N, C-alpha and C. Protein backbone atom coordinates (compact mmCIF):
# COMPACT_ATOMS: atom_id res chain seq x y z
N UNK A 1 0.81 -1.19 0.00
CA UNK A 1 0.00 0.00 0.00
C UNK A 1 0.86 1.27 0.00
N UNK A 2 2.03 1.22 0.62
CA UNK A 2 2.94 2.37 0.63
C UNK A 2 3.38 2.76 -0.76
N UNK A 3 3.54 1.78 -1.64
CA UNK A 3 3.95 2.03 -3.02
C UNK A 3 2.88 2.83 -3.76
N UNK A 4 1.60 2.49 -3.56
CA UNK A 4 0.50 3.19 -4.21
C UNK A 4 0.46 4.64 -3.75
N UNK A 5 0.63 4.86 -2.46
CA UNK A 5 0.64 6.22 -1.92
C UNK A 5 1.80 7.02 -2.51
N UNK A 6 2.96 6.43 -2.60
CA UNK A 6 4.12 7.10 -3.17
C UNK A 6 3.88 7.41 -4.64
N UNK A 7 3.28 6.45 -5.35
CA UNK A 7 2.97 6.66 -6.77
C UNK A 7 1.96 7.81 -6.92
N UNK A 8 0.95 7.85 -6.05
CA UNK A 8 -0.06 8.92 -6.08
C UNK A 8 0.58 10.27 -5.83
N UNK A 9 1.42 10.32 -4.82
CA UNK A 9 2.11 11.58 -4.49
C UNK A 9 3.00 12.02 -5.65
N UNK A 10 3.67 11.06 -6.24
CA UNK A 10 4.55 11.35 -7.38
C UNK A 10 3.73 11.91 -8.54
N UNK A 11 2.58 11.32 -8.78
CA UNK A 11 1.71 11.76 -9.87
C UNK A 11 1.23 13.20 -9.62
N UNK A 12 0.86 13.52 -8.40
CA UNK A 12 0.42 14.88 -8.06
C UNK A 12 1.56 15.87 -8.27
N UNK A 13 2.75 15.50 -7.83
CA UNK A 13 3.91 16.38 -8.02
C UNK A 13 4.20 16.61 -9.50
N UNK A 14 4.08 15.56 -10.29
CA UNK A 14 4.31 15.68 -11.73
C UNK A 14 3.27 16.61 -12.36
N UNK A 15 2.01 16.46 -11.97
CA UNK A 15 0.95 17.31 -12.51
C UNK A 15 1.20 18.78 -12.16
N UNK A 16 1.62 19.02 -10.92
CA UNK A 16 1.93 20.40 -10.50
C UNK A 16 3.11 20.95 -11.29
N UNK A 17 4.11 20.12 -11.51
CA UNK A 17 5.29 20.56 -12.26
C UNK A 17 4.91 20.94 -13.69
N UNK A 18 4.07 20.13 -14.32
CA UNK A 18 3.64 20.40 -15.69
C UNK A 18 2.82 21.69 -15.75
N UNK A 19 1.99 21.93 -14.74
CA UNK A 19 1.19 23.17 -14.69
C UNK A 19 2.07 24.41 -14.61
N UNK A 20 3.28 24.26 -14.07
CA UNK A 20 4.20 25.40 -13.93
C UNK A 20 4.93 25.74 -15.22
N UNK A 21 4.83 24.88 -16.23
CA UNK A 21 5.47 25.16 -17.51
C UNK A 21 4.75 26.31 -18.21
N UNK A 22 5.50 27.13 -18.97
CA UNK A 22 4.82 28.16 -19.76
C UNK A 22 4.03 27.49 -20.88
N UNK A 23 3.06 28.21 -21.46
CA UNK A 23 2.33 27.64 -22.60
C UNK A 23 3.29 27.24 -23.71
N UNK A 24 2.96 26.18 -24.41
CA UNK A 24 3.85 25.63 -25.45
C UNK A 24 4.27 26.68 -26.46
N UNK A 25 3.37 27.58 -26.83
CA UNK A 25 3.70 28.60 -27.83
C UNK A 25 4.68 29.65 -27.31
N UNK A 26 4.97 29.64 -26.02
CA UNK A 26 5.93 30.59 -25.44
C UNK A 26 7.30 29.96 -25.20
N UNK A 27 7.40 28.64 -25.28
CA UNK A 27 8.66 27.96 -24.99
C UNK A 27 9.75 28.32 -26.00
N UNK A 28 9.45 28.26 -27.29
CA UNK A 28 10.46 28.58 -28.31
C UNK A 28 10.89 30.05 -28.25
N UNK A 29 9.95 31.00 -28.13
CA UNK A 29 10.39 32.39 -27.98
C UNK A 29 11.27 32.59 -26.75
N UNK A 30 10.97 31.87 -25.67
CA UNK A 30 11.80 31.97 -24.47
C UNK A 30 13.19 31.41 -24.74
N UNK A 31 13.26 30.28 -25.42
CA UNK A 31 14.56 29.68 -25.77
C UNK A 31 15.35 30.63 -26.66
N UNK A 32 14.68 31.22 -27.65
CA UNK A 32 15.35 32.18 -28.54
C UNK A 32 15.85 33.39 -27.77
N UNK A 33 15.06 33.86 -26.81
CA UNK A 33 15.45 35.00 -25.99
C UNK A 33 16.75 34.69 -25.24
N UNK A 34 16.82 33.52 -24.61
CA UNK A 34 18.01 33.17 -23.85
C UNK A 34 19.22 32.90 -24.75
N UNK A 35 18.99 32.49 -25.99
CA UNK A 35 20.10 32.31 -26.93
C UNK A 35 20.85 33.61 -27.15
N UNK A 36 20.13 34.72 -27.10
CA UNK A 36 20.75 36.03 -27.32
C UNK A 36 21.85 36.27 -26.29
N UNK A 37 21.68 35.75 -25.09
CA UNK A 37 22.67 35.92 -24.02
C UNK A 37 23.85 34.97 -24.16
N UNK A 38 23.86 34.14 -25.19
CA UNK A 38 24.92 33.16 -25.40
C UNK A 38 26.10 33.67 -26.19
N UNK A 39 26.18 34.96 -26.43
CA UNK A 39 27.28 35.53 -27.20
C UNK A 39 28.06 36.50 -26.30
N UNK A 40 29.37 36.32 -26.19
CA UNK A 40 30.17 37.14 -25.27
C UNK A 40 30.18 38.61 -25.66
N UNK A 41 30.17 38.93 -26.94
CA UNK A 41 30.14 40.34 -27.35
C UNK A 41 28.83 40.98 -26.93
N UNK A 42 27.74 40.28 -27.13
CA UNK A 42 26.45 40.84 -26.73
C UNK A 42 26.39 41.02 -25.22
N UNK A 43 26.96 40.09 -24.47
CA UNK A 43 26.98 40.24 -23.01
C UNK A 43 27.82 41.44 -22.59
N UNK A 44 28.92 41.67 -23.28
CA UNK A 44 29.73 42.85 -22.98
C UNK A 44 28.96 44.13 -23.27
N UNK A 45 28.24 44.14 -24.38
CA UNK A 45 27.43 45.32 -24.72
C UNK A 45 26.38 45.56 -23.64
N UNK A 46 25.71 44.51 -23.21
CA UNK A 46 24.72 44.65 -22.14
C UNK A 46 25.37 45.19 -20.89
N UNK A 47 26.55 44.67 -20.54
CA UNK A 47 27.27 45.15 -19.36
C UNK A 47 27.62 46.63 -19.46
N UNK A 48 28.03 47.06 -20.63
CA UNK A 48 28.39 48.47 -20.84
C UNK A 48 27.17 49.37 -20.72
N UNK A 49 26.04 48.88 -21.21
CA UNK A 49 24.83 49.72 -21.25
C UNK A 49 23.98 49.64 -19.98
N UNK A 50 24.47 48.96 -18.97
CA UNK A 50 23.68 48.81 -17.75
C UNK A 50 23.33 50.13 -17.09
N UNK A 51 24.23 51.09 -17.16
CA UNK A 51 24.01 52.33 -16.41
C UNK A 51 24.08 53.58 -17.27
N UNK A 52 24.16 53.40 -18.58
CA UNK A 52 24.29 54.56 -19.45
C UNK A 52 23.80 54.23 -20.85
N UNK A 53 23.60 55.25 -21.65
CA UNK A 53 23.32 55.03 -23.06
C UNK A 53 24.52 55.54 -23.85
N UNK A 54 24.86 54.81 -24.90
CA UNK A 54 26.05 55.14 -25.69
C UNK A 54 25.77 54.97 -27.17
N UNK A 55 26.57 55.64 -27.97
CA UNK A 55 26.50 55.49 -29.42
C UNK A 55 27.27 54.23 -29.84
N UNK A 56 27.03 53.80 -31.07
CA UNK A 56 27.75 52.65 -31.62
C UNK A 56 29.25 52.89 -31.55
N UNK A 57 29.65 54.11 -31.90
CA UNK A 57 31.08 54.47 -31.90
C UNK A 57 31.69 54.29 -30.51
N UNK A 58 30.99 54.78 -29.50
CA UNK A 58 31.51 54.66 -28.12
C UNK A 58 31.57 53.20 -27.66
N UNK A 59 30.54 52.44 -28.00
CA UNK A 59 30.53 51.02 -27.63
C UNK A 59 31.69 50.30 -28.31
N UNK A 60 31.89 50.59 -29.60
CA UNK A 60 32.99 49.97 -30.35
C UNK A 60 34.33 50.33 -29.72
N UNK A 61 34.50 51.60 -29.34
CA UNK A 61 35.75 52.03 -28.70
C UNK A 61 35.95 51.32 -27.37
N UNK A 62 34.89 51.21 -26.57
CA UNK A 62 34.99 50.53 -25.27
C UNK A 62 35.45 49.09 -25.42
N UNK A 63 34.97 48.43 -26.47
CA UNK A 63 35.27 47.01 -26.66
C UNK A 63 36.44 46.76 -27.60
N UNK A 64 36.98 47.83 -28.20
CA UNK A 64 38.09 47.67 -29.13
C UNK A 64 37.69 46.88 -30.36
N UNK A 65 36.48 47.13 -30.85
CA UNK A 65 35.96 46.39 -32.00
C UNK A 65 35.54 47.36 -33.10
N UNK A 66 35.32 46.80 -34.28
CA UNK A 66 34.84 47.60 -35.41
C UNK A 66 33.37 47.97 -35.20
N UNK A 67 33.02 49.17 -35.66
CA UNK A 67 31.64 49.62 -35.54
C UNK A 67 30.66 48.69 -36.24
N UNK A 68 31.07 48.14 -37.38
CA UNK A 68 30.17 47.24 -38.12
C UNK A 68 29.83 45.99 -37.31
N UNK A 69 30.82 45.47 -36.58
CA UNK A 69 30.58 44.28 -35.75
C UNK A 69 29.63 44.62 -34.60
N UNK A 70 29.82 45.79 -34.01
CA UNK A 70 28.95 46.23 -32.92
C UNK A 70 27.54 46.49 -33.44
N UNK A 71 27.44 47.13 -34.60
CA UNK A 71 26.12 47.39 -35.19
C UNK A 71 25.36 46.10 -35.43
N UNK A 72 26.06 45.09 -35.89
CA UNK A 72 25.42 43.79 -36.12
C UNK A 72 24.87 43.22 -34.81
N UNK A 73 25.66 43.27 -33.76
CA UNK A 73 25.22 42.73 -32.47
C UNK A 73 24.09 43.57 -31.88
N UNK A 74 24.16 44.88 -32.07
CA UNK A 74 23.08 45.74 -31.58
C UNK A 74 21.77 45.45 -32.29
N UNK A 75 21.85 45.10 -33.56
CA UNK A 75 20.64 44.75 -34.31
C UNK A 75 19.99 43.50 -33.71
N UNK A 76 20.81 42.51 -33.39
CA UNK A 76 20.30 41.28 -32.75
C UNK A 76 19.65 41.64 -31.41
N UNK A 77 20.33 42.47 -30.63
CA UNK A 77 19.81 42.87 -29.32
C UNK A 77 18.51 43.67 -29.46
N UNK A 78 18.47 44.56 -30.43
CA UNK A 78 17.25 45.36 -30.69
C UNK A 78 16.09 44.46 -31.11
N UNK A 79 16.36 43.54 -32.02
CA UNK A 79 15.30 42.64 -32.51
C UNK A 79 14.71 41.77 -31.42
N UNK A 80 15.46 41.56 -30.35
CA UNK A 80 15.00 40.74 -29.23
C UNK A 80 14.59 41.58 -28.02
N UNK A 81 14.44 42.87 -28.23
CA UNK A 81 13.98 43.80 -27.19
C UNK A 81 14.89 43.81 -25.96
N UNK A 82 16.19 43.66 -26.22
CA UNK A 82 17.19 43.72 -25.15
C UNK A 82 17.70 45.15 -25.02
N UNK A 83 17.90 45.81 -26.14
CA UNK A 83 18.29 47.22 -26.14
C UNK A 83 17.28 48.02 -26.95
N UNK A 84 17.25 49.31 -26.68
CA UNK A 84 16.44 50.23 -27.47
C UNK A 84 17.35 51.34 -27.97
N UNK A 85 16.89 52.04 -28.97
CA UNK A 85 17.69 53.10 -29.58
C UNK A 85 16.91 54.40 -29.52
N UNK A 86 17.64 55.47 -29.26
CA UNK A 86 17.06 56.81 -29.24
C UNK A 86 17.90 57.70 -30.14
N UNK A 87 17.26 58.34 -31.07
CA UNK A 87 17.96 59.25 -31.99
C UNK A 87 18.08 60.61 -31.33
N UNK A 88 19.31 61.15 -31.37
CA UNK A 88 19.56 62.52 -30.91
C UNK A 88 20.33 63.20 -32.03
N UNK A 89 19.61 63.98 -32.81
CA UNK A 89 20.23 64.57 -33.99
C UNK A 89 20.54 63.47 -34.98
N UNK A 90 21.79 63.42 -35.40
CA UNK A 90 22.21 62.40 -36.37
C UNK A 90 22.73 61.14 -35.71
N UNK A 91 22.88 61.18 -34.39
CA UNK A 91 23.43 60.02 -33.69
C UNK A 91 22.34 59.18 -33.05
N UNK A 92 22.64 57.90 -32.93
CA UNK A 92 21.75 56.96 -32.25
C UNK A 92 22.42 56.51 -30.96
N UNK A 93 21.66 56.55 -29.89
CA UNK A 93 22.18 56.13 -28.59
C UNK A 93 21.40 54.90 -28.13
N UNK A 94 22.15 53.92 -27.67
CA UNK A 94 21.58 52.65 -27.26
C UNK A 94 21.58 52.54 -25.74
N UNK A 95 20.53 51.94 -25.23
CA UNK A 95 20.43 51.67 -23.79
C UNK A 95 19.65 50.36 -23.63
N UNK A 96 19.67 49.83 -22.42
CA UNK A 96 18.91 48.60 -22.17
C UNK A 96 17.42 48.90 -22.30
N UNK A 97 16.70 47.95 -22.82
CA UNK A 97 15.27 48.15 -23.09
C UNK A 97 14.46 48.35 -21.83
N UNK A 98 14.76 47.58 -20.78
CA UNK A 98 14.03 47.75 -19.53
C UNK A 98 14.79 47.10 -18.38
N UNK A 99 14.24 47.24 -17.20
CA UNK A 99 14.88 46.74 -15.99
C UNK A 99 15.04 45.22 -16.01
N UNK A 100 14.12 44.51 -16.67
CA UNK A 100 14.22 43.04 -16.72
C UNK A 100 15.56 42.59 -17.29
N UNK A 101 16.02 43.29 -18.32
CA UNK A 101 17.28 42.92 -18.97
C UNK A 101 18.44 43.08 -17.99
N UNK A 102 18.45 44.21 -17.30
CA UNK A 102 19.52 44.45 -16.32
C UNK A 102 19.48 43.39 -15.22
N UNK A 103 18.29 43.06 -14.75
CA UNK A 103 18.16 42.07 -13.69
C UNK A 103 18.62 40.69 -14.14
N UNK A 104 18.26 40.29 -15.36
CA UNK A 104 18.72 39.01 -15.90
C UNK A 104 20.24 38.95 -15.95
N UNK A 105 20.83 40.02 -16.46
CA UNK A 105 22.29 40.10 -16.56
C UNK A 105 22.90 40.02 -15.16
N UNK A 106 22.38 40.82 -14.23
CA UNK A 106 22.92 40.86 -12.87
C UNK A 106 22.78 39.51 -12.17
N UNK A 107 21.63 38.88 -12.33
CA UNK A 107 21.43 37.57 -11.69
C UNK A 107 22.36 36.52 -12.28
N UNK A 108 22.55 36.54 -13.58
CA UNK A 108 23.48 35.61 -14.22
C UNK A 108 24.89 35.81 -13.71
N UNK A 109 25.29 37.07 -13.60
CA UNK A 109 26.62 37.40 -13.11
C UNK A 109 26.80 36.93 -11.66
N UNK A 110 25.80 37.20 -10.83
CA UNK A 110 25.87 36.75 -9.44
C UNK A 110 25.94 35.22 -9.36
N UNK A 111 25.20 34.56 -10.21
CA UNK A 111 25.18 33.09 -10.20
C UNK A 111 26.56 32.51 -10.51
N UNK A 112 27.23 33.04 -11.52
CA UNK A 112 28.54 32.47 -11.87
C UNK A 112 29.63 32.88 -10.90
N UNK A 113 29.39 33.92 -10.11
CA UNK A 113 30.39 34.37 -9.14
C UNK A 113 30.22 33.72 -7.77
N UNK A 114 29.18 32.91 -7.60
CA UNK A 114 28.92 32.27 -6.31
C UNK A 114 30.09 31.44 -5.82
N UNK A 115 30.81 30.79 -6.71
CA UNK A 115 31.90 29.91 -6.30
C UNK A 115 33.21 30.65 -6.08
N UNK A 116 33.26 31.92 -6.44
CA UNK A 116 34.52 32.69 -6.28
C UNK A 116 34.78 33.06 -4.84
């Protein structure tokens, strides 16, 4: 009889776990969103933009990279709502899209530094 009770409890736990999953149509967009964070250049850009907005030129200078390479990464970040752009005259300034992005970055950083 103990086995049946354990099986019942296990089944309830499994049902609760499945209920906690996002809707199926949101799983792939979520996976795609997290893929954006899988590139070291994009992570550096996010880190730079945490507390300020900068132009492509300034970001490229900070990272010692070509503007074209930075522009490409910014496009990926923009398309995924990680950064936003604001035009000031002829220049475009990039900043993080919202607080969620900064929090994700900060939490990831804290997580990998736990063992240090």
